[in-house]
Protein backbone atom coordinates (compact mmCIF):
# COMPACT_ATOMS: atom_id res chain seq x y z
CA MET A 1 -0.91 4.10 16.31
CA LEU A 2 0.81 1.53 13.99
CA LYS A 3 0.06 -1.35 16.17
CA ASP A 4 -3.64 -0.55 15.74
CA LEU A 5 -3.72 -1.41 11.91
CA THR A 6 -5.75 -4.22 11.72
CA LEU A 7 -6.05 -4.28 7.73
CA GLY A 8 -4.51 -7.49 6.46
CA GLN A 9 -3.94 -9.20 9.41
CA TYR A 10 -5.90 -12.66 10.50
CA TYR A 11 -7.43 -13.23 13.57
CA PRO A 12 -7.39 -17.04 14.38
CA GLU A 13 -11.08 -18.17 15.40
CA GLU A 14 -13.26 -20.92 15.06
CA SER A 15 -16.36 -19.23 13.73
CA PRO A 16 -19.07 -19.64 11.13
CA ILE A 17 -17.50 -16.85 9.11
CA HIS A 18 -14.06 -18.34 9.45
CA ARG A 19 -15.51 -21.51 8.00
CA LEU A 20 -16.97 -20.01 4.96
CA ASP A 21 -15.81 -20.20 1.45
CA PRO A 22 -13.61 -17.44 0.66
CA ARG A 23 -15.53 -16.48 -2.55
CA VAL A 24 -18.46 -16.03 -0.25
CA LYS A 25 -16.78 -13.61 1.92
CA LEU A 26 -15.53 -11.65 -1.08
CA ALA A 27 -18.90 -11.39 -2.67
CA GLY A 28 -20.27 -10.52 0.64
CA THR A 29 -17.66 -7.81 0.95
CA LEU A 30 -18.34 -6.35 -2.29
CA VAL A 31 -21.97 -6.63 -2.12
CA PHE A 32 -21.65 -4.58 1.26
CA ILE A 33 -19.62 -1.80 -0.37
CA ILE A 34 -22.02 -1.29 -3.13
CA THR A 35 -25.03 -1.06 -0.80
CA LEU A 36 -23.18 1.71 1.12
CA PHE A 37 -23.14 3.89 -2.18
CA PHE A 38 -26.72 3.33 -2.85
CA GLY A 39 -27.79 6.84 -1.45
CA GLN A 40 -27.79 8.72 1.86
CA SER A 41 -31.06 7.51 3.79
CA VAL A 42 -30.97 6.75 7.53
CA TRP A 43 -32.99 3.47 6.75
CA LEU A 44 -29.96 2.15 3.95
CA TYR A 45 -27.42 2.92 6.66
CA LEU A 46 -29.37 1.20 9.37
CA GLY A 47 -29.52 -1.97 7.11
CA ALA A 48 -25.83 -1.94 6.45
CA PHE A 49 -25.40 -1.51 10.36
CA LEU A 50 -27.45 -4.46 11.05
CA TYR A 51 -25.66 -6.49 8.57
CA LEU A 52 -22.24 -5.45 9.83
CA LEU A 53 -23.31 -6.03 13.48
CA ILE A 54 -24.54 -9.78 12.52
CA VAL A 55 -21.32 -10.46 10.56
CA ILE A 56 -19.03 -9.20 13.50
CA ARG A 57 -21.27 -11.09 15.89
CA LEU A 58 -20.92 -14.51 13.73
CA SER A 59 -17.00 -13.95 13.30
CA ARG A 60 -16.34 -14.14 16.87
CA VAL A 61 -13.71 -11.43 16.44
CA PRO A 62 -13.71 -8.99 19.18
CA LEU A 63 -15.51 -5.55 18.21
CA ARG A 64 -12.79 -3.79 20.27
CA TYR A 65 -10.20 -5.35 17.83
CA ILE A 66 -12.13 -4.00 14.93
CA VAL A 67 -12.97 -0.66 15.96
CA ARG A 68 -9.35 -0.29 17.06
CA GLY A 69 -8.07 -0.28 13.25
CA LEU A 70 -10.19 3.04 12.83
CA LYS A 71 -7.43 4.77 14.61
CA THR A 72 -5.27 4.89 11.75
CA ILE A 73 -7.55 6.76 9.40
CA VAL A 74 -8.93 9.18 11.89
CA VAL A 75 -7.10 11.92 9.93
CA LEU A 76 -8.78 10.85 6.62
CA ILE A 77 -12.08 10.53 8.16
CA LEU A 78 -11.80 14.22 9.79
CA LEU A 79 -10.51 15.64 6.42
CA SER A 80 -13.25 13.91 4.41
CA ALA A 81 -15.78 15.24 7.13
CA LEU A 82 -14.53 18.83 6.82
CA PHE A 83 -14.26 18.93 2.87
CA ASN A 84 -17.68 17.94 2.59
CA LEU A 85 -18.83 20.13 5.54
CA PHE A 86 -17.70 23.51 4.00
CA LEU A 87 -17.37 22.87 0.27
CA THR A 88 -21.06 21.48 -0.30
CA PRO A 89 -23.36 24.06 -1.57
CA GLY A 90 -26.87 24.27 -0.36
CA ASP A 91 -29.12 26.22 2.76
CA ILE A 92 -26.90 28.11 4.85
CA LEU A 93 -26.89 26.77 8.34
CA VAL A 94 -24.01 28.71 10.07
CA LYS A 95 -21.55 31.28 8.49
CA LEU A 96 -17.88 31.54 10.02
CA GLY A 97 -16.28 34.22 8.06
CA PRO A 98 -15.23 32.77 4.70
CA LEU A 99 -16.64 29.42 5.55
CA THR A 100 -19.75 28.43 5.40
CA ILE A 101 -21.79 25.28 6.59
CA THR A 102 -25.01 24.24 4.95
CA THR A 103 -27.76 22.00 5.80
CA GLN A 104 -26.76 19.55 2.85
CA GLY A 105 -22.99 19.84 3.62
CA LEU A 106 -23.74 18.80 7.25
CA VAL A 107 -25.84 15.67 6.21
CA THR A 108 -23.27 14.95 3.79
CA ALA A 109 -20.46 14.98 6.28
CA ILE A 110 -21.91 12.67 8.75
CA PHE A 111 -23.02 10.22 6.03
CA MET A 112 -19.36 10.21 4.70
CA VAL A 113 -18.02 9.82 8.18
CA VAL A 114 -20.26 6.60 8.80
CA ARG A 115 -19.56 5.30 5.16
CA LEU A 116 -15.84 5.47 5.75
CA ILE A 117 -16.14 3.64 9.09
CA PHE A 118 -18.39 0.93 7.76
CA LEU A 119 -16.18 0.36 4.82
CA ILE A 120 -13.00 -0.02 6.89
CA MET A 121 -14.73 -2.37 9.49
CA GLY A 122 -16.37 -4.37 6.53
CA SER A 123 -13.09 -4.98 4.84
CA SER A 124 -11.17 -5.66 7.98
CA ILE A 125 -13.81 -8.45 8.63
CA LEU A 126 -12.71 -10.04 5.20
CA THR A 127 -9.11 -9.92 6.21
CA LEU A 128 -9.62 -10.91 9.76
CA THR A 129 -11.45 -14.01 8.83
CA THR A 130 -9.29 -15.34 5.83
CA THR A 131 -5.99 -16.38 5.58
CA PRO A 132 -3.78 -14.91 2.81
CA ASN A 133 -3.66 -18.37 0.89
CA GLN A 134 -7.62 -18.40 0.95
CA LEU A 135 -7.72 -15.16 -0.15
CA THR A 136 -5.82 -15.97 -3.31
CA ASP A 137 -7.63 -18.97 -3.88
CA GLY A 138 -11.15 -17.34 -3.54
CA MET A 139 -10.10 -14.22 -5.93
CA GLU A 140 -8.55 -16.62 -8.38
CA ARG A 141 -11.74 -19.01 -8.52
CA GLY A 142 -14.09 -16.37 -8.42
CA LEU A 143 -12.54 -14.09 -11.23
CA SER A 144 -11.63 -17.40 -13.20
CA TRP A 145 -14.05 -15.96 -16.02
CA LEU A 146 -11.54 -13.21 -16.88
CA LYS A 147 -9.18 -15.73 -18.17
CA ILE A 148 -11.54 -15.64 -21.60
CA PHE A 149 -10.07 -12.11 -22.09
CA ARG A 150 -6.54 -13.62 -21.21
CA VAL A 151 -6.46 -11.60 -17.89
CA PRO A 152 -3.82 -13.02 -15.88
CA VAL A 153 -5.95 -13.59 -12.94
CA HIS A 154 -3.91 -15.91 -10.79
CA GLU A 155 -0.86 -13.38 -10.79
CA ILE A 156 -3.01 -10.44 -9.88
CA ALA A 157 -4.64 -12.32 -7.06
CA MET A 158 -1.06 -13.26 -6.05
CA MET A 159 0.00 -9.70 -6.07
CA MET A 160 -3.00 -8.48 -4.15
CA THR A 161 -2.80 -11.09 -1.44
CA ILE A 162 1.10 -10.62 -1.13
CA ALA A 163 0.45 -6.74 -0.65
CA LEU A 164 -2.23 -7.33 1.99
CA ARG A 165 0.40 -9.91 3.70
CA PHE A 166 3.05 -7.26 3.80
CA ILE A 167 1.01 -4.83 5.39
CA PRO A 168 1.23 -6.12 8.98
CA ILE A 169 5.07 -6.89 8.21
CA LEU A 170 5.88 -3.68 7.33
CA VAL A 171 3.94 -2.07 10.13
CA ASP A 172 5.87 -3.99 12.54
CA GLU A 173 9.15 -3.12 10.84
CA THR A 174 8.13 0.76 11.21
CA ASP A 175 7.42 0.03 14.63
CA LYS A 176 11.10 -1.21 15.34
CA ILE A 177 12.72 1.33 13.20
CA ILE A 178 10.75 4.20 15.06
CA LYS A 179 11.85 2.46 18.30
CA ALA A 180 15.59 2.17 17.31
CA GLN A 181 15.74 5.81 16.15
CA LYS A 182 14.21 7.26 19.39
CA ALA A 183 16.83 5.08 21.33
CA ARG A 184 19.51 7.01 19.40
CA GLY A 185 17.87 10.36 20.36
CA ALA A 186 15.80 10.77 17.49
CA ASP A 187 12.53 13.40 18.08
CA PHE A 188 9.35 12.55 15.87
CA GLU A 189 6.74 14.65 17.85
CA SER A 190 8.40 18.06 18.39
CA GLY A 191 8.42 21.17 15.71
CA ASN A 192 6.09 22.04 12.99
CA ILE A 193 4.71 20.03 9.81
CA MET A 194 7.63 20.32 7.73
CA GLN A 195 10.08 19.46 10.60
CA ARG A 196 8.38 16.35 11.48
CA ALA A 197 8.25 15.49 7.71
CA ARG A 198 12.08 15.88 7.57
CA ALA A 199 12.25 13.76 10.74
CA MET A 200 10.63 10.91 8.95
CA ILE A 201 13.53 10.48 6.53
CA PRO A 202 15.59 8.38 8.86
CA ILE A 203 12.58 6.17 8.80
CA LEU A 204 11.66 5.80 5.41
CA VAL A 205 15.16 5.09 3.97
CA PRO A 206 15.67 1.73 6.13
CA LEU A 207 11.86 0.89 5.74
CA PHE A 208 12.33 0.97 1.68
CA ILE A 209 15.49 -1.00 2.05
CA SER A 210 13.93 -3.52 4.37
CA ALA A 211 10.96 -3.87 1.92
CA PHE A 212 13.11 -4.52 -1.18
CA ARG A 213 14.87 -6.96 0.55
CA ARG A 214 11.86 -9.05 1.55
CA ALA A 215 10.40 -8.88 -1.85
CA ASN A 216 13.93 -9.95 -3.07
CA ASP A 217 13.89 -12.93 -0.46
CA LEU A 218 10.14 -13.75 -1.39
CA ALA A 219 10.90 -13.92 -5.01
CA MET A 220 13.96 -15.93 -4.63
CA ALA A 221 11.93 -18.33 -2.30
CA MET A 222 9.45 -18.79 -5.31
CA GLU A 223 11.86 -19.39 -7.63
CA ALA A 224 13.57 -21.92 -5.53
CA ARG A 225 10.16 -23.86 -5.25
CA CYS A 226 9.76 -23.70 -9.08
CA TYR A 227 6.81 -21.40 -9.09
CA HIS A 228 5.75 -20.37 -12.64
CA GLY A 229 2.12 -19.26 -12.28
CA SER A 230 -1.20 -21.19 -12.21
CA GLU A 231 -0.60 -23.61 -15.08
CA GLY A 232 -0.69 -27.17 -13.84
CA ARG A 233 -0.91 -26.16 -10.11
CA THR A 234 -2.86 -28.36 -7.65
CA ARG A 235 -4.25 -27.21 -4.47
CA MET A 236 -3.85 -29.03 -0.93
CA LYS A 237 -7.46 -27.88 0.09
CA PRO A 238 -9.69 -27.19 -3.09
CA LEU A 239 -12.38 -24.70 -2.74
CA VAL A 240 -15.81 -26.64 -2.46
CA TYR A 241 -19.19 -25.05 -1.68
CA THR A 242 -21.22 -26.50 1.45
CA LYS A 243 -24.65 -26.14 2.59
CA ASN A 244 -23.53 -23.15 4.76
CA ASP A 245 -22.03 -21.50 1.87
CA ARG A 246 -25.01 -21.76 -0.19
CA LEU A 247 -27.25 -20.46 3.14
CA ALA A 248 -24.95 -17.35 3.51
CA TYR A 249 -25.46 -16.62 -0.45
CA LEU A 250 -29.03 -16.60 0.22
CA GLY A 251 -28.95 -14.47 3.07
CA LEU A 252 -26.56 -12.02 1.05
CA ALA A 253 -29.13 -12.05 -1.82
CA LEU A 254 -31.85 -11.30 0.57
CA TYR A 255 -29.87 -8.28 1.95
CA PHE A 256 -29.03 -7.02 -1.37
CA ALA A 257 -32.89 -7.03 -2.39
CA LEU A 258 -33.87 -5.36 0.85
CA MET A 259 -31.19 -2.57 0.44
CA LEU A 260 -32.22 -2.37 -3.15
CA ALA A 261 -36.08 -2.13 -2.36
CA ILE A 262 -35.41 0.72 0.15
CA PHE A 263 -33.32 2.49 -2.34
CA ILE A 264 -35.76 2.48 -5.11
CA THR A 265 -38.59 3.46 -2.41
CA LEU A 266 -36.90 6.17 -0.78
CA GLY A 267 -34.78 7.43 -3.56
CA SER A 268 -32.77 10.59 -2.40
CA ARG A 269 -34.58 11.21 0.82
CA VAL A 270 -32.72 11.32 3.82
CA ILE A 271 -35.22 9.75 5.84
């Protein structure tokens, strides 16, 4: 299951999406996420699906590789669906003892599942097609206007990028610890929920120790290279917009305008 986590990993490939400026990809991801919350309409989600399909096609990242990352949030998706299914008031559709399924709850649960799937897939495309260094530069340049309000943009971008970069590293570390514990006779699959939770303690302790050790090594490496923030720093590959980036912005603007028009036209209607 841990090996299926794709968020934070980079998939090397020569594609139009990989070559785009990271600021374009950050803007595209943000716009995509915003449009997912416009409403619960089949046409809105169909537009988001087509947008996502085009981006995945242009990225040349295998669809099975992106979908594989959904396995790690199956529990979250199921919980969200169940809460919306049974706790949303409305017209009663089915009554199962104390639990009631309403028409509005069923519709909300379906759209919530689709929204979560699209959110994870859209976010995965960003990290799969952008290196950590590009993400840092893109976030710093894209949020540079916040420096007027004395917001430490560079430090925030650096922390977010390091956190994303550490996800696959900690996943690999966890997998190694689990295999080592199983080789010593540990059992993580039998027993009730409480017993399984207690069985995770031998994993969490060495995992936290490893995480702190890696963080300390990273801090020492940054200090040894005289890292002192963004002031006076130069870049080997400065970000410069190209013709393809401007075309991508145009396509993004058209997508947002189309989704906004659908939202204004349909309002709260599902179909």
